[in-house]
PDB file of N, CA and C in Angstrom:
ATOM      1  N   MET A   1     -10.857 -11.444 -24.252  1.00  0.00           N
ATOM      2  CA  MET A   1     -10.667  -9.791 -24.531  1.00  0.00           C
ATOM      3  C   MET A   1     -10.991  -9.112 -25.526  1.00  0.00           C
ATOM      4  N   VAL A   2     -11.238  -9.639 -26.829  1.00  0.00           N
ATOM      5  CA  VAL A   2     -10.869  -9.200 -28.168  1.00  0.00           C
ATOM      6  C   VAL A   2     -12.036  -8.564 -28.221  1.00  0.00           C
ATOM      7  N   HIS A   3     -13.308  -9.045 -28.425  1.00  0.00           N
ATOM      8  CA  HIS A   3     -14.681  -8.384 -27.991  1.00  0.00           C
ATOM      9  C   HIS A   3     -14.898  -7.022 -27.231  1.00  0.00           C
ATOM     10  N   PHE A   4     -14.644  -7.085 -26.306  1.00  0.00           N
ATOM     11  CA  PHE A   4     -14.447  -5.981 -25.299  1.00  0.00           C
ATOM     12  C   PHE A   4     -13.689  -4.506 -25.795  1.00  0.00           C
ATOM     13  N   ASN A   5     -14.112  -4.147 -26.903  1.00  0.00           N
ATOM     14  CA  ASN A   5     -13.472  -2.519 -27.472  1.00  0.00           C
ATOM     15  C   ASN A   5     -13.395  -1.156 -26.669  1.00  0.00           C
ATOM     16  N   VAL A   6     -12.975  -0.798 -25.971  1.00  0.00           N
ATOM     17  CA  VAL A   6     -12.869   0.773 -25.537  1.00  0.00           C
ATOM     18  C   VAL A   6     -12.058   1.809 -27.169  1.00  0.00           C
ATOM     19  N   PHE A   7     -13.233   2.105 -27.226  1.00  0.00           N
ATOM     20  CA  PHE A   7     -13.306   3.429 -28.502  1.00  0.00           C
ATOM     21  C   PHE A   7     -12.236   3.080 -29.267  1.00  0.00           C
ATOM     22  N   LYS A   8     -12.380   1.900 -29.767  1.00  0.00           N
ATOM     23  CA  LYS A   8     -11.774   1.382 -31.151  1.00  0.00           C
ATOM     24  C   LYS A   8     -10.040   0.630 -30.317  1.00  0.00           C
ATOM     25  N   TRP A   9      -9.856   0.655 -29.224  1.00  0.00           N
ATOM     26  CA  TRP A   9      -8.611  -0.119 -28.387  1.00  0.00           C
ATOM     27  C   TRP A   9      -8.931  -0.973 -27.450  1.00  0.00           C
ATOM     28  N   ILE A  10      -8.073  -1.804 -27.794  1.00  0.00           N
ATOM     29  CA  ILE A  10      -8.182  -3.307 -26.901  1.00  0.00           C
ATOM     30  C   ILE A  10      -7.303  -3.402 -25.549  1.00  0.00           C
ATOM     31  N   PRO A  11      -8.230  -3.112 -24.267  1.00  0.00           N
ATOM     32  CA  PRO A  11      -7.345  -3.182 -23.219  1.00  0.00           C
ATOM     33  C   PRO A  11      -6.601  -4.814 -23.337  1.00  0.00           C
ATOM     34  N   ASN A  12      -5.568  -4.498 -22.824  1.00  0.00           N
ATOM     35  CA  ASN A  12      -4.487  -5.432 -22.558  1.00  0.00           C
ATOM     36  C   ASN A  12      -4.483  -6.046 -20.736  1.00  0.00           C
ATOM     37  N   ILE A  13      -5.049  -6.734 -20.584  1.00  0.00           N
ATOM     38  CA  ILE A  13      -5.931  -6.680 -18.857  1.00  0.00           C
ATOM     39  C   ILE A  13      -4.944  -7.794 -18.358  1.00  0.00           C
ATOM     40  N   ILE A  14      -3.695  -8.780 -18.936  1.00  0.00           N
ATOM     41  CA  ILE A  14      -2.796  -9.099 -18.436  1.00  0.00           C
ATOM     42  C   ILE A  14      -1.709  -8.077 -17.919  1.00  0.00           C
ATOM     43  N   LEU A  15      -1.704  -7.012 -18.887  1.00  0.00           N
ATOM     44  CA  LEU A  15      -0.864  -5.778 -18.191  1.00  0.00           C
ATOM     45  C   LEU A  15      -1.053  -5.032 -16.970  1.00  0.00           C
ATOM     46  N   ILE A  16      -2.619  -4.315 -17.046  1.00  0.00           N
ATOM     47  CA  ILE A  16      -3.280  -4.313 -16.571  1.00  0.00           C
ATOM     48  C   ILE A  16      -2.533  -4.740 -14.938  1.00  0.00           C
ATOM     49  N   TYR A  17      -3.271  -6.304 -14.644  1.00  0.00           N
ATOM     50  CA  TYR A  17      -2.996  -7.243 -13.574  1.00  0.00           C
ATOM     51  C   TYR A  17      -1.573  -6.817 -13.183  1.00  0.00           C
ATOM     52  N   VAL A  18      -0.725  -6.940 -13.889  1.00  0.00           N
ATOM     53  CA  VAL A  18       0.885  -7.116 -13.584  1.00  0.00           C
ATOM     54  C   VAL A  18       0.965  -5.644 -12.821  1.00  0.00           C
ATOM     55  N   VAL A  19       0.399  -4.615 -13.488  1.00  0.00           N
ATOM     56  CA  VAL A  19       1.022  -3.595 -13.153  1.00  0.00           C
ATOM     57  C   VAL A  19      -0.003  -3.155 -11.278  1.00  0.00           C
ATOM     58  N   ILE A  20      -1.103  -3.868 -11.181  1.00  0.00           N
ATOM     59  CA  ILE A  20      -1.800  -3.458  -9.911  1.00  0.00           C
ATOM     60  C   ILE A  20      -0.817  -4.408  -9.090  1.00  0.00           C
ATOM     61  N   PHE A  21      -0.840  -5.765  -9.659  1.00  0.00           N
ATOM     62  CA  PHE A  21      -0.423  -6.639  -8.430  1.00  0.00           C
ATOM     63  C   PHE A  21       1.024  -6.035  -8.082  1.00  0.00           C
ATOM     64  N   ASN A  22       1.743  -5.365  -8.748  1.00  0.00           N
ATOM     65  CA  ASN A  22       3.239  -4.873  -8.403  1.00  0.00           C
ATOM     66  C   ASN A  22       3.104  -3.567  -7.703  1.00  0.00           C
ATOM     67  N   ILE A  23       1.896  -2.894  -7.413  1.00  0.00           N
ATOM     68  CA  ILE A  23       1.487  -1.445  -6.955  1.00  0.00           C
ATOM     69  C   ILE A  23       1.131  -2.354  -5.706  1.00  0.00           C
ATOM     70  N   ILE A  24       0.281  -2.881  -5.315  1.00  0.00           N
ATOM     71  CA  ILE A  24      -0.021  -3.064  -4.043  1.00  0.00           C
ATOM     72  C   ILE A  24       0.428  -4.236  -3.020  1.00  0.00           C
ATOM     73  N   GLU A  25       1.348  -5.521  -4.330  1.00  0.00           N
ATOM     74  CA  GLU A  25       2.554  -5.674  -3.269  1.00  0.00           C
ATOM     75  C   GLU A  25       3.181  -5.292  -2.288  1.00  0.00           C
ATOM     76  N   ASN A  26       3.481  -5.700  -1.298  1.00  0.00           N
ATOM     77  CA  ASN A  26       4.931  -4.815  -0.638  1.00  0.00           C
ATOM     78  C   ASN A  26       6.047  -4.797  -1.415  1.00  0.00           C
ATOM     79  N   PRO A  27       7.057  -3.912  -1.147  1.00  0.00           N
ATOM     80  CA  PRO A  27       8.301  -3.909  -2.278  1.00  0.00           C
ATOM     81  C   PRO A  27       9.193  -4.692  -2.169  1.00  0.00           C
ATOM     82  N   LYS A  28       8.962  -5.095  -0.740  1.00  0.00           N
ATOM     83  CA  LYS A  28      10.614  -6.047  -0.382  1.00  0.00           C
ATOM     84  C   LYS A  28      10.330  -7.313  -0.620  1.00  0.00           C
ATOM     85  N   LYS A  29       8.755  -7.621  -1.509  1.00  0.00           N
ATOM     86  CA  LYS A  29       8.636  -9.263  -1.510  1.00  0.00           C
ATOM     87  C   LYS A  29       8.929  -8.789  -3.174  1.00  0.00           C
ATOM     88  N   TYR A  30       9.035 -10.234  -3.691  1.00  0.00           N
ATOM     89  CA  TYR A  30       9.181 -10.564  -5.798  1.00  0.00           C
ATOM     90  C   TYR A  30       8.176 -11.928  -5.990  1.00  0.00           C
ATOM     91  N   GLY A  31       7.282 -11.226  -5.388  1.00  0.00           N
ATOM     92  CA  GLY A  31       5.993 -12.506  -6.012  1.00  0.00           C
ATOM     93  C   GLY A  31       5.279 -11.654  -7.302  1.00  0.00           C
ATOM     94  N   GLY A  32       5.593 -10.488  -7.151  1.00  0.00           N
ATOM     95  CA  GLY A  32       5.352  -9.339  -8.837  1.00  0.00           C
ATOM     96  C   GLY A  32       5.977  -9.863  -9.860  1.00  0.00           C
ATOM     97  N   VAL A  33       7.390  -9.948  -9.643  1.00  0.00           N
ATOM     98  CA  VAL A  33       8.514 -10.208 -10.252  1.00  0.00           C
ATOM     99  C   VAL A  33       7.946 -11.673 -11.079  1.00  0.00           C
ATOM    100  N   TYR A  34       7.401 -12.873 -10.503  1.00  0.00           N
ATOM    101  CA  TYR A  34       7.014 -14.153 -10.665  1.00  0.00           C
ATOM    102  C   TYR A  34       5.903 -14.388 -11.705  1.00  0.00           C
ATOM    103  N   ILE A  35       4.993 -13.630 -11.237  1.00  0.00           N
ATOM    104  CA  ILE A  35       3.808 -13.135 -11.693  1.00  0.00           C
ATOM    105  C   ILE A  35       3.762 -12.164 -13.074  1.00  0.00           C
ATOM    106  N   SER A  36       5.104 -11.647 -13.086  1.00  0.00           N
ATOM    107  CA  SER A  36       5.044 -11.019 -14.848  1.00  0.00           C
ATOM    108  C   SER A  36       5.623 -11.958 -15.136  1.00  0.00           C
ATOM    109  N   PHE A  37       6.640 -12.597 -15.170  1.00  0.00           N
ATOM    110  CA  PHE A  37       7.509 -13.872 -15.783  1.00  0.00           C
ATOM    111  C   PHE A  37       6.061 -14.724 -16.245  1.00  0.00           C
ATOM    112  N   ILE A  38       5.451 -15.045 -15.181  1.00  0.00           N
ATOM    113  CA  ILE A  38       4.593 -16.496 -15.874  1.00  0.00           C
ATOM    114  C   ILE A  38       3.721 -15.432 -16.762  1.00  0.00           C
ATOM    115  N   ALA A  39       3.238 -14.259 -16.971  1.00  0.00           N
ATOM    116  CA  ALA A  39       2.137 -13.472 -17.551  1.00  0.00           C
ATOM    117  C   ALA A  39       3.012 -13.112 -19.151  1.00  0.00           C
ATOM    118  N   GLY A  40       4.316 -12.746 -19.036  1.00  0.00           N
ATOM    119  CA  GLY A  40       4.448 -12.768 -20.078  1.00  0.00           C
ATOM    120  C   GLY A  40       4.770 -13.879 -21.190  1.00  0.00           C
ATOM    121  N   LEU A  41       5.434 -15.056 -20.715  1.00  0.00           N
ATOM    122  CA  LEU A  41       5.203 -16.047 -20.698  1.00  0.00           C
ATOM    123  C   LEU A  41       4.415 -16.792 -21.500  1.00  0.00           C
ATOM    124  N   LEU A  42       3.006 -16.526 -21.272  1.00  0.00           N
ATOM    125  CA  LEU A  42       2.118 -17.031 -21.703  1.00  0.00           C
ATOM    126  C   LEU A  42       1.297 -16.428 -22.724  1.00  0.00           C
ATOM    127  N   LEU A  43       1.373 -14.600 -22.731  1.00  0.00           N
ATOM    128  CA  LEU A  43       1.689 -13.986 -23.632  1.00  0.00           C
ATOM    129  C   LEU A  43       2.330 -14.405 -24.937  1.00  0.00           C
ATOM    130  N   ASP A  44       3.024 -14.320 -24.827  1.00  0.00           N
ATOM    131  CA  ASP A  44       4.366 -15.283 -25.512  1.00  0.00           C
ATOM    132  C   ASP A  44       4.151 -16.439 -26.410  1.00  0.00           C
ATOM    133  N   ILE A  45       3.467 -17.342 -25.598  1.00  0.00           N
ATOM    134  CA  ILE A  45       2.870 -18.749 -26.209  1.00  0.00           C
ATOM    135  C   ILE A  45       2.067 -18.495 -27.384  1.00  0.00           C
ATOM    136  N   PHE A  46       1.005 -16.893 -27.017  1.00  0.00           N
ATOM    137  CA  PHE A  46      -0.092 -16.971 -28.164  1.00  0.00           C
ATOM    138  C   PHE A  46      -0.117 -16.131 -29.083  1.00  0.00           C
ATOM    139  N   SER A  47       1.445 -15.483 -28.919  1.00  0.00           N
ATOM    140  CA  SER A  47       1.019 -14.123 -29.688  1.00  0.00           C
ATOM    141  C   SER A  47       2.044 -14.658 -30.753  1.00  0.00           C
ATOM    142  N   ALA A  48       2.239 -13.300 -31.771  1.00  0.00           N
ATOM    143  CA  ALA A  48       3.227 -13.865 -33.443  1.00  0.00           C
ATOM    144  C   ALA A  48       4.433 -13.212 -33.057  1.00  0.00           C
ATOM    145  N   ASN A  49       4.511 -13.157 -31.551  1.00  0.00           N
ATOM    146  CA  ASN A  49       6.209 -12.483 -31.874  1.00  0.00           C
ATOM    147  C   ASN A  49       6.863 -13.547 -30.899  1.00  0.00           C
ATOM    148  N   PHE A  50       7.962 -13.176 -31.348  1.00  0.00           N
ATOM    149  CA  PHE A  50       9.686 -14.101 -30.573  1.00  0.00           C
ATOM    150  C   PHE A  50       9.084 -14.502 -29.038  1.00  0.00           C
ATOM    151  N   ILE A  51       9.537 -15.241 -28.816  1.00  0.00           N
ATOM    152  CA  ILE A  51       9.606 -16.301 -27.227  1.00  0.00           C
ATOM    153  C   ILE A  51      10.227 -14.805 -26.510  1.00  0.00           C
ATOM    154  N   GLY A  52       9.999 -14.206 -25.698  1.00  0.00           N
ATOM    155  CA  GLY A  52      10.490 -13.825 -24.659  1.00  0.00           C
ATOM    156  C   GLY A  52      10.526 -12.349 -24.558  1.00  0.00           C
ATOM    157  N   PHE A  53       9.662 -11.734 -25.719  1.00  0.00           N
ATOM    158  CA  PHE A  53       9.497 -10.441 -26.224  1.00  0.00           C
ATOM    159  C   PHE A  53       8.826  -9.698 -24.844  1.00  0.00           C
ATOM    160  N   HIS A  54       7.505  -9.962 -24.788  1.00  0.00           N
ATOM    161  CA  HIS A  54       6.803  -9.652 -23.654  1.00  0.00           C
ATOM    162  C   HIS A  54       7.474 -10.024 -22.193  1.00  0.00           C
ATOM    163  N   ILE A  55       8.370 -11.522 -21.685  1.00  0.00           N
ATOM    164  CA  ILE A  55       8.637 -11.580 -20.524  1.00  0.00           C
ATOM    165  C   ILE A  55       9.372 -10.342 -20.673  1.00  0.00           C
ATOM    166  N   ILE A  56      10.019 -10.245 -20.878  1.00  0.00           N
ATOM    167  CA  ILE A  56      11.000  -8.927 -20.913  1.00  0.00           C
ATOM    168  C   ILE A  56      10.606  -7.902 -20.758  1.00  0.00           C
ATOM    169  N   ILE A  57       9.537  -7.580 -21.426  1.00  0.00           N
ATOM    170  CA  ILE A  57       8.902  -5.962 -21.227  1.00  0.00           C
ATOM    171  C   ILE A  57       8.093  -6.007 -19.956  1.00  0.00           C
ATOM    172  N   PHE A  58       7.646  -7.024 -19.286  1.00  0.00           N
ATOM    173  CA  PHE A  58       6.646  -7.236 -18.217  1.00  0.00           C
ATOM    174  C   PHE A  58       7.759  -7.183 -17.086  1.00  0.00           C
ATOM    175  N   LEU A  59       8.747  -7.663 -17.075  1.00  0.00           N
ATOM    176  CA  LEU A  59      10.123  -8.196 -16.261  1.00  0.00           C
ATOM    177  C   LEU A  59      10.836  -6.853 -15.934  1.00  0.00           C
ATOM    178  N   ILE A  60      10.286  -5.647 -17.096  1.00  0.00           N
ATOM    179  CA  ILE A  60      11.245  -4.450 -16.895  1.00  0.00           C
ATOM    180  C   ILE A  60      10.240  -3.640 -15.794  1.00  0.00           C
ATOM    181  N   ILE A  61       9.280  -3.821 -16.422  1.00  0.00           N
ATOM    182  CA  ILE A  61       7.971  -2.846 -15.889  1.00  0.00           C
ATOM    183  C   ILE A  61       7.654  -3.221 -14.626  1.00  0.00           C
ATOM    184  N   SER A  62       7.834  -4.344 -14.003  1.00  0.00           N
ATOM    185  CA  SER A  62       7.924  -5.505 -12.776  1.00  0.00           C
ATOM    186  C   SER A  62       8.909  -4.400 -11.821  1.00  0.00           C
ATOM    187  N   LEU A  63      10.360  -4.493 -12.189  1.00  0.00           N
ATOM    188  CA  LEU A  63      11.559  -4.110 -11.413  1.00  0.00           C
ATOM    189  C   LEU A  63      11.264  -2.984 -11.773  1.00  0.00           C
ATOM    190  N   SER A  64      11.136  -2.106 -12.471  1.00  0.00           N
ATOM    191  CA  SER A  64      11.092  -0.587 -12.374  1.00  0.00           C
ATOM    192  C   SER A  64      10.119  -0.147 -11.004  1.00  0.00           C
ATOM    193  N   LEU A  65       8.995  -0.652 -10.917  1.00  0.00           N
ATOM    194  CA  LEU A  65       8.209  -0.968  -9.992  1.00  0.00           C
ATOM    195  C   LEU A  65       8.418  -0.402  -9.009  1.00  0.00           C
ATOM    196  N   LYS A  66       8.712  -1.802  -8.635  1.00  0.00           N
ATOM    197  CA  LYS A  66       9.746  -2.670  -7.316  1.00  0.00           C
ATOM    198  C   LYS A  66      10.467  -1.709  -6.933  1.00  0.00           C
ATOM    199  N   LEU A  67      11.483  -0.805  -7.901  1.00  0.00           N
ATOM    200  CA  LEU A  67      12.746  -0.222  -7.614  1.00  0.00           C
ATOM    201  C   LEU A  67      11.851   1.074  -7.048  1.00  0.00           C
ATOM    202  N   ALA A  68      11.193   1.236  -8.040  1.00  0.00           N
ATOM    203  CA  ALA A  68      10.096   3.125  -7.711  1.00  0.00           C
ATOM    204  C   ALA A  68       9.623   3.038  -6.088  1.00  0.00           C
ATOM    205  N   PHE A  69       8.680   2.052  -6.281  1.00  0.00           N
ATOM    206  CA  PHE A  69       8.439   1.611  -4.789  1.00  0.00           C
ATOM    207  C   PHE A  69       9.660   1.779  -3.751  1.00  0.00           C
ATOM    208  N   SER A  70      10.136   0.680  -3.439  1.00  0.00           N
ATOM    209  CA  SER A  70      10.775   0.778  -2.641  1.00  0.00           C
ATOM    210  C   SER A  70      12.003   2.186  -2.126  1.00  0.00           C
ATOM    211  N   ARG A  71      12.469   3.142  -3.181  1.00  0.00           N
ATOM    212  CA  ARG A  71      13.423   4.346  -3.137  1.00  0.00           C
ATOM    213  C   ARG A  71      11.934   5.365  -2.542  1.00  0.00           C
ATOM    214  N   TYR A  72      11.351   5.862  -3.465  1.00  0.00           N
ATOM    215  CA  TYR A  72      10.062   6.837  -3.342  1.00  0.00           C
ATOM    216  C   TYR A  72       9.348   6.439  -2.629  1.00  0.00           C
ATOM    217  N   VAL A  73       9.074   5.803  -2.116  1.00  0.00           N
ATOM    218  CA  VAL A  73       6.983   5.763  -1.594  1.00  0.00           C
ATOM    219  C   VAL A  73       6.985   5.029  -0.514  1.00  0.00           C
ATOM    220  N   ARG A  74       6.611   5.223   0.897  1.00  0.00           N
ATOM    221  CA  ARG A  74       6.903   5.103   2.194  1.00  0.00           C
ATOM    222  C   ARG A  74       5.236   4.444   2.106  1.00  0.00           C
ATOM    223  N   ILE A  75       4.517   3.608   2.495  1.00  0.00           N
ATOM    224  CA  ILE A  75       3.550   3.018   2.841  1.00  0.00           C
ATOM    225  C   ILE A  75       3.376   2.546   4.310  1.00  0.00           C
ATOM    226  N   PRO A  76       2.888   3.501   5.104  1.00  0.00           N
ATOM    227  CA  PRO A  76       2.800   3.116   6.827  1.00  0.00           C
ATOM    228  C   PRO A  76       2.535   1.629   6.820  1.00  0.00           C
ATOM    229  N   PHE A  77       1.735   1.122   5.842  1.00  0.00           N
ATOM    230  CA  PHE A  77       0.775  -0.221   6.020  1.00  0.00           C
ATOM    231  C   PHE A  77       1.663  -1.226   5.729  1.00  0.00           C
ATOM    232  N   PHE A  78       3.003  -1.479   5.133  1.00  0.00           N
ATOM    233  CA  PHE A  78       3.910  -2.234   4.843  1.00  0.00           C
ATOM    234  C   PHE A  78       4.809  -1.796   5.861  1.00  0.00           C
ATOM    235  N   GLU A  79       5.450  -0.770   6.434  1.00  0.00           N
ATOM    236  CA  GLU A  79       6.377  -0.792   7.353  1.00  0.00           C
ATOM    237  C   GLU A  79       6.143  -1.377   8.935  1.00  0.00           C
ATOM    238  N   LYS A  80       6.823  -2.300   9.747  1.00  0.00           N
ATOM    239  CA  LYS A  80       6.635  -2.664  10.792  1.00  0.00           C
ATOM    240  C   LYS A  80       7.167  -1.244  11.739  1.00  0.00           C
ATOM    241  N   THR A  81       6.049  -1.171  12.966  1.00  0.00           N
ATOM    242  CA  THR A  81       6.392  -0.642  14.200  1.00  0.00           C
ATOM    243  C   THR A  81       7.437  -1.452  15.197  1.00  0.00           C
TER     244      THR A  81
END
């Protein structure tokens, strides 16, 4: 996605996908954590940073979204009656 820049800013599509997946997913399930680990690993393999940099960042983002949504947000779609 290097050729698609927005005001000379290149969006990180993988980060956007991880955030959206964790927002949409049920807060009690951990599929988003696995997705964030795999996405971070792929970004680490193809970047110049040390291995684990993107993994740690994506896991922190994913776990903080899970914590925030499980404690503070109630979505009736996910709750069983």
